[in-house]
């Protein structure tokens, strides 16, 4: 009798396990995953392109001024190199100190420019990313995705919704 009830319990357990696996498989088939390539959005979306143009316009004058300053420093350095053999020791030292000071000032201004540019670029890209994330959420809800990933080592192209997001982002502008 004990042996028979053990067989019944095993059969019932196997049946329940089979039903559980069938249910899990049905749920797994309903699970939808999408992928968005943010690098492509930053390159191809109109909002990202507009942000890039805005930054270029905003920093064009500073970039030109910095380039002019670099050209002046190079010219002064070349002039010093040509005239150094004919200068007295004190003149040479004075001009060399002045060149070192100009170079230090130029390097400082270049660093500040790069920091300002990077800071503004991050601000602009953050705004693009916020807009893109809203569009991703809209697309995900409309198409009933369960998960949208932004970074992956590998993604099957059939799960890539980047084109849909870029189109929706461009249309929303």
C-alpha atoms as a PDB file:
ATOM      1  CA  UNK A   1       0.000   0.000   0.000  1.00  0.00           C
ATOM      2  CA  UNK A   2       2.810   2.358   0.889  1.00  0.00           C
ATOM      3  CA  UNK A   3       4.424   1.568  -2.420  1.00  0.00           C
ATOM      4  CA  UNK A   4       1.243   2.416  -4.356  1.00  0.00           C
ATOM      5  CA  UNK A   5       0.744   5.778  -2.662  1.00  0.00           C
ATOM      6  CA  UNK A   6       4.376   6.668  -3.387  1.00  0.00           C
ATOM      7  CA  UNK A   7       3.742   5.995  -7.098  1.00  0.00           C
ATOM      8  CA  UNK A   8       0.598   8.117  -7.029  1.00  0.00           C
ATOM      9  CA  UNK A   9       2.430  10.932  -5.297  1.00  0.00           C
ATOM     10  CA  UNK A  10       5.261  10.716  -7.839  1.00  0.00           C
ATOM     11  CA  UNK A  11       2.771  10.752 -10.726  1.00  0.00           C
ATOM     12  CA  UNK A  12       0.904  13.717  -9.237  1.00  0.00           C
ATOM     13  CA  UNK A  13       4.152  15.567  -8.628  1.00  0.00           C
ATOM     14  CA  UNK A  14       5.311  14.846 -12.184  1.00  0.00           C
ATOM     15  CA  UNK A  15       1.956  16.061 -13.530  1.00  0.00           C
ATOM     16  CA  UNK A  16       2.078  19.248 -11.503  1.00  0.00           C
ATOM     17  CA  UNK A  17       5.676  19.817 -12.547  1.00  0.00           C
ATOM     18  CA  UNK A  18       4.694  19.312 -16.193  1.00  0.00           C
ATOM     19  CA  UNK A  19       1.839  21.805 -15.853  1.00  0.00           C
ATOM     20  CA  UNK A  20       4.169  24.280 -14.160  1.00  0.00           C
ATOM     21  CA  UNK A  21       6.721  23.960 -16.968  1.00  0.00           C
ATOM     22  CA  UNK A  22       4.023  24.365 -19.611  1.00  0.00           C
ATOM     23  CA  UNK A  23       2.744  27.486 -17.856  1.00  0.00           C
ATOM     24  CA  UNK A  24       6.285  28.873 -17.517  1.00  0.00           C
ATOM     25  CA  UNK A  25       6.943  28.234 -21.204  1.00  0.00           C
ATOM     26  CA  UNK A  26       3.715  30.006 -22.179  1.00  0.00           C
ATOM     27  CA  UNK A  27       4.696  32.985 -20.050  1.00  0.00           C
ATOM     28  CA  UNK A  28       8.223  32.986 -21.476  1.00  0.00           C
ATOM     29  CA  UNK A  29       6.819  33.223 -24.999  1.00  0.00           C
ATOM     30  CA  UNK A  30       4.866  36.341 -24.010  1.00  0.00           C
ATOM     31  CA  UNK A  31       7.925  38.088 -22.568  1.00  0.00           C
ATOM     32  CA  UNK A  32       9.117  40.767 -25.047  1.00  0.00           C
ATOM     33  CA  UNK A  33      12.591  42.245 -24.993  1.00  0.00           C
ATOM     34  CA  UNK A  34      13.806  45.217 -27.005  1.00  0.00           C
ATOM     35  CA  UNK A  35      17.130  46.937 -27.418  1.00  0.00           C
ATOM     36  CA  UNK A  36      18.009  50.586 -28.063  1.00  0.00           C
ATOM     37  CA  UNK A  37      21.447  51.693 -29.251  1.00  0.00           C
ATOM     38  CA  UNK A  38      22.012  55.068 -27.557  1.00  0.00           C
ATOM     39  CA  UNK A  39      25.177  55.740 -29.574  1.00  0.00           C
ATOM     40  CA  UNK A  40      23.098  55.609 -32.763  1.00  0.00           C
ATOM     41  CA  UNK A  41      20.533  57.925 -31.228  1.00  0.00           C
ATOM     42  CA  UNK A  42      23.301  60.412 -30.365  1.00  0.00           C
ATOM     43  CA  UNK A  43      24.599  60.202 -33.958  1.00  0.00           C
ATOM     44  CA  UNK A  44      21.386  60.001 -35.983  1.00  0.00           C
ATOM     45  CA  UNK A  45      18.533  61.679 -34.122  1.00  0.00           C
ATOM     46  CA  UNK A  46      17.674  65.217 -35.220  1.00  0.00           C
ATOM     47  CA  UNK A  47      17.696  66.445 -31.618  1.00  0.00           C
ATOM     48  CA  UNK A  48      21.252  65.166 -31.170  1.00  0.00           C
ATOM     49  CA  UNK A  49      22.354  66.761 -34.452  1.00  0.00           C
ATOM     50  CA  UNK A  50      20.738  70.047 -33.421  1.00  0.00           C
ATOM     51  CA  UNK A  51      22.531  69.895 -30.066  1.00  0.00           C
ATOM     52  CA  UNK A  52      25.846  69.363 -31.872  1.00  0.00           C
ATOM     53  CA  UNK A  53      25.241  72.365 -34.148  1.00  0.00           C
ATOM     54  CA  UNK A  54      24.260  74.460 -31.123  1.00  0.00           C
ATOM     55  CA  UNK A  55      27.501  73.522 -29.351  1.00  0.00           C
ATOM     56  CA  UNK A  56      29.595  74.255 -32.434  1.00  0.00           C
ATOM     57  CA  UNK A  57      28.019  77.702 -32.754  1.00  0.00           C
ATOM     58  CA  UNK A  58      28.355  78.392 -29.038  1.00  0.00           C
ATOM     59  CA  UNK A  59      32.042  77.470 -28.903  1.00  0.00           C
ATOM     60  CA  UNK A  60      33.192  78.558 -32.392  1.00  0.00           C
ATOM     61  CA  UNK A  61      34.476  81.976 -31.288  1.00  0.00           C
ATOM     62  CA  UNK A  62      36.313  80.581 -28.258  1.00  0.00           C
ATOM     63  CA  UNK A  63      37.832  77.858 -30.433  1.00  0.00           C
ATOM     64  CA  UNK A  64      38.975  80.405 -33.027  1.00  0.00           C
ATOM     65  CA  UNK A  65      40.411  82.689 -30.314  1.00  0.00           C
ATOM     66  CA  UNK A  66      42.275  79.754 -28.816  1.00  0.00           C
ATOM     67  CA  UNK A  67      43.619  78.771 -32.234  1.00  0.00           C
ATOM     68  CA  UNK A  68      44.787  82.357 -32.836  1.00  0.00           C
ATOM     69  CA  UNK A  69      46.486  82.408 -29.440  1.00  0.00           C
ATOM     70  CA  UNK A  70      48.256  79.136 -30.271  1.00  0.00           C
ATOM     71  CA  UNK A  71      49.411  80.552 -33.611  1.00  0.00           C
ATOM     72  CA  UNK A  72      50.749  83.686 -31.899  1.00  0.00           C
ATOM     73  CA  UNK A  73      52.594  81.570 -29.348  1.00  0.00           C
ATOM     74  CA  UNK A  74      54.126  79.432 -32.091  1.00  0.00           C
ATOM     75  CA  UNK A  75      55.221  82.537 -34.013  1.00  0.00           C
ATOM     76  CA  UNK A  76      56.763  84.064 -30.878  1.00  0.00           C
ATOM     77  CA  UNK A  77      58.559  80.798 -30.126  1.00  0.00           C
ATOM     78  CA  UNK A  78      59.911  80.556 -33.688  1.00  0.00           C
ATOM     79  CA  UNK A  79      61.068  84.176 -33.525  1.00  0.00           C
ATOM     80  CA  UNK A  80      62.815  83.502 -30.230  1.00  0.00           C
ATOM     81  CA  UNK A  81      64.572  80.446 -31.703  1.00  0.00           C
ATOM     82  CA  UNK A  82      65.845  82.507 -34.639  1.00  0.00           C
ATOM     83  CA  UNK A  83      66.981  85.463 -32.532  1.00  0.00           C
ATOM     84  CA  UNK A  84      68.282  83.571 -29.465  1.00  0.00           C
ATOM     85  CA  UNK A  85      71.923  83.350 -30.686  1.00  0.00           C
ATOM     86  CA  UNK A  86      72.114  87.134 -31.100  1.00  0.00           C
ATOM     87  CA  UNK A  87      70.507  88.025 -27.765  1.00  0.00           C
ATOM     88  CA  UNK A  88      72.355  88.718 -24.537  1.00  0.00           C
ATOM     89  CA  UNK A  89      71.956  86.238 -21.702  1.00  0.00           C
ATOM     90  CA  UNK A  90      69.549  88.500 -19.777  1.00  0.00           C
ATOM     91  CA  UNK A  91      67.437  89.197 -22.919  1.00  0.00           C
ATOM     92  CA  UNK A  92      67.320  85.500 -23.700  1.00  0.00           C
ATOM     93  CA  UNK A  93      66.235  84.669 -20.111  1.00  0.00           C
ATOM     94  CA  UNK A  94      63.608  87.425 -20.091  1.00  0.00           C
ATOM     95  CA  UNK A  95      62.076  86.358 -23.414  1.00  0.00           C
ATOM     96  CA  UNK A  96      62.249  82.688 -22.446  1.00  0.00           C
ATOM     97  CA  UNK A  97      60.378  83.391 -19.189  1.00  0.00           C
ATOM     98  CA  UNK A  98      57.796  85.391 -21.135  1.00  0.00           C
ATOM     99  CA  UNK A  99      57.330  82.471 -23.575  1.00  0.00           C
ATOM    100  CA  UNK A 100      56.961  79.992 -20.719  1.00  0.00           C
ATOM    101  CA  UNK A 101      54.356  82.263 -19.105  1.00  0.00           C
ATOM    102  CA  UNK A 102      52.472  82.613 -22.422  1.00  0.00           C
ATOM    103  CA  UNK A 103      52.550  78.849 -22.907  1.00  0.00           C
ATOM    104  CA  UNK A 104      51.266  78.255 -19.371  1.00  0.00           C
ATOM    105  CA  UNK A 105      48.447  80.758 -19.980  1.00  0.00           C
ATOM    106  CA  UNK A 106      47.633  79.102 -23.317  1.00  0.00           C
ATOM    107  CA  UNK A 107      47.545  75.606 -21.749  1.00  0.00           C
ATOM    108  CA  UNK A 108      45.287  76.869 -18.943  1.00  0.00           C
ATOM    109  CA  UNK A 109      42.882  78.479 -21.415  1.00  0.00           C
ATOM    110  CA  UNK A 110      42.848  75.340 -23.549  1.00  0.00           C
ATOM    111  CA  UNK A 111      42.066  73.185 -20.492  1.00  0.00           C
ATOM    112  CA  UNK A 112      39.279  75.541 -19.418  1.00  0.00           C
ATOM    113  CA  UNK A 113      37.859  75.535 -22.950  1.00  0.00           C
ATOM    114  CA  UNK A 114      37.886  71.731 -23.060  1.00  0.00           C
ATOM    115  CA  UNK A 115      36.248  71.501 -19.622  1.00  0.00           C
ATOM    116  CA  UNK A 116      33.541  74.011 -20.610  1.00  0.00           C
ATOM    117  CA  UNK A 117      32.927  72.212 -23.888  1.00  0.00           C
ATOM    118  CA  UNK A 118      32.705  68.800 -22.201  1.00  0.00           C
ATOM    119  CA  UNK A 119      30.365  70.153 -19.544  1.00  0.00           C
ATOM    120  CA  UNK A 120      28.017  71.712 -22.098  1.00  0.00           C
ATOM    121  CA  UNK A 121      28.194  68.612 -24.299  1.00  0.00           C
ATOM    122  CA  UNK A 122      27.171  66.452 -21.337  1.00  0.00           C
ATOM    123  CA  UNK A 123      24.259  68.820 -20.593  1.00  0.00           C
ATOM    124  CA  UNK A 124      23.036  68.683 -24.181  1.00  0.00           C
ATOM    125  CA  UNK A 125      23.430  64.899 -24.440  1.00  0.00           C
ATOM    126  CA  UNK A 126      21.574  64.474 -21.148  1.00  0.00           C
ATOM    127  CA  UNK A 127      18.632  66.408 -22.591  1.00  0.00           C
ATOM    128  CA  UNK A 128      18.680  64.257 -25.730  1.00  0.00           C
ATOM    129  CA  UNK A 129      18.836  61.122 -23.588  1.00  0.00           C
ATOM    130  CA  UNK A 130      15.895  62.257 -21.449  1.00  0.00           C
ATOM    131  CA  UNK A 131      13.788  62.852 -24.575  1.00  0.00           C
ATOM    132  CA  UNK A 132      14.897  59.525 -26.030  1.00  0.00           C
ATOM    133  CA  UNK A 133      14.010  57.681 -22.824  1.00  0.00           C
ATOM    134  CA  UNK A 134      10.493  59.159 -22.914  1.00  0.00           C
ATOM    135  CA  UNK A 135      10.119  57.971 -26.510  1.00  0.00           C
ATOM    136  CA  UNK A 136      11.497  54.532 -25.600  1.00  0.00           C
ATOM    137  CA  UNK A 137       8.934  54.260 -22.825  1.00  0.00           C
ATOM    138  CA  UNK A 138       6.143  55.281 -25.200  1.00  0.00           C
ATOM    139  CA  UNK A 139       7.221  52.737 -27.830  1.00  0.00           C
ATOM    140  CA  UNK A 140       7.638  50.027 -25.174  1.00  0.00           C
ATOM    141  CA  UNK A 141       4.168  50.616 -23.783  1.00  0.00           C
ATOM    142  CA  UNK A 142       2.535  50.853 -27.218  1.00  0.00           C
ATOM    143  CA  UNK A 143       4.158  47.638 -28.457  1.00  0.00           C
ATOM    144  CA  UNK A 144       3.885  45.830 -25.109  1.00  0.00           C
ATOM    145  CA  UNK A 145       7.592  45.272 -24.422  1.00  0.00           C
ATOM    146  CA  UNK A 146       8.472  43.938 -20.992  1.00  0.00           C
ATOM    147  CA  UNK A 147      12.100  45.116 -21.001  1.00  0.00           C
ATOM    148  CA  UNK A 148      14.111  47.562 -23.111  1.00  0.00           C
ATOM    149  CA  UNK A 149      17.883  47.309 -22.771  1.00  0.00           C
ATOM    150  CA  UNK A 150      20.310  50.091 -23.630  1.00  0.00           C
ATOM    151  CA  UNK A 151      23.564  48.180 -23.345  1.00  0.00           C
ATOM    152  CA  UNK A 152      24.360  44.606 -24.244  1.00  0.00           C
ATOM    153  CA  UNK A 153      27.341  42.580 -25.340  1.00  0.00           C
ATOM    154  CA  UNK A 154      25.269  41.020 -28.105  1.00  0.00           C
ATOM    155  CA  UNK A 155      21.743  41.607 -29.294  1.00  0.00           C
ATOM    156  CA  UNK A 156      19.840  39.852 -32.039  1.00  0.00           C
ATOM    157  CA  UNK A 157      18.918  42.539 -34.621  1.00  0.00           C
ATOM    158  CA  UNK A 158      15.272  41.450 -34.534  1.00  0.00           C
ATOM    159  CA  UNK A 159      15.064  42.930 -31.000  1.00  0.00           C
ATOM    160  CA  UNK A 160      16.623  46.276 -31.979  1.00  0.00           C
ATOM    161  CA  UNK A 161      14.025  49.064 -31.844  1.00  0.00           C
ATOM    162  CA  UNK A 162      16.516  51.910 -32.335  1.00  0.00           C
ATOM    163  CA  UNK A 163      15.088  52.850 -35.756  1.00  0.00           C
ATOM    164  CA  UNK A 164      11.575  53.133 -34.298  1.00  0.00           C
ATOM    165  CA  UNK A 165      12.863  55.309 -31.462  1.00  0.00           C
ATOM    166  CA  UNK A 166      14.815  57.600 -33.812  1.00  0.00           C
ATOM    167  CA  UNK A 167      11.794  57.994 -36.097  1.00  0.00           C
ATOM    168  CA  UNK A 168       9.515  58.765 -33.150  1.00  0.00           C
ATOM    169  CA  UNK A 169      12.065  61.151 -31.647  1.00  0.00           C
ATOM    170  CA  UNK A 170      12.446  62.989 -34.968  1.00  0.00           C
ATOM    171  CA  UNK A 171       8.664  63.174 -35.389  1.00  0.00           C
ATOM    172  CA  UNK A 172       8.218  64.560 -31.873  1.00  0.00           C
ATOM    173  CA  UNK A 173      10.521  67.506 -32.553  1.00  0.00           C
END
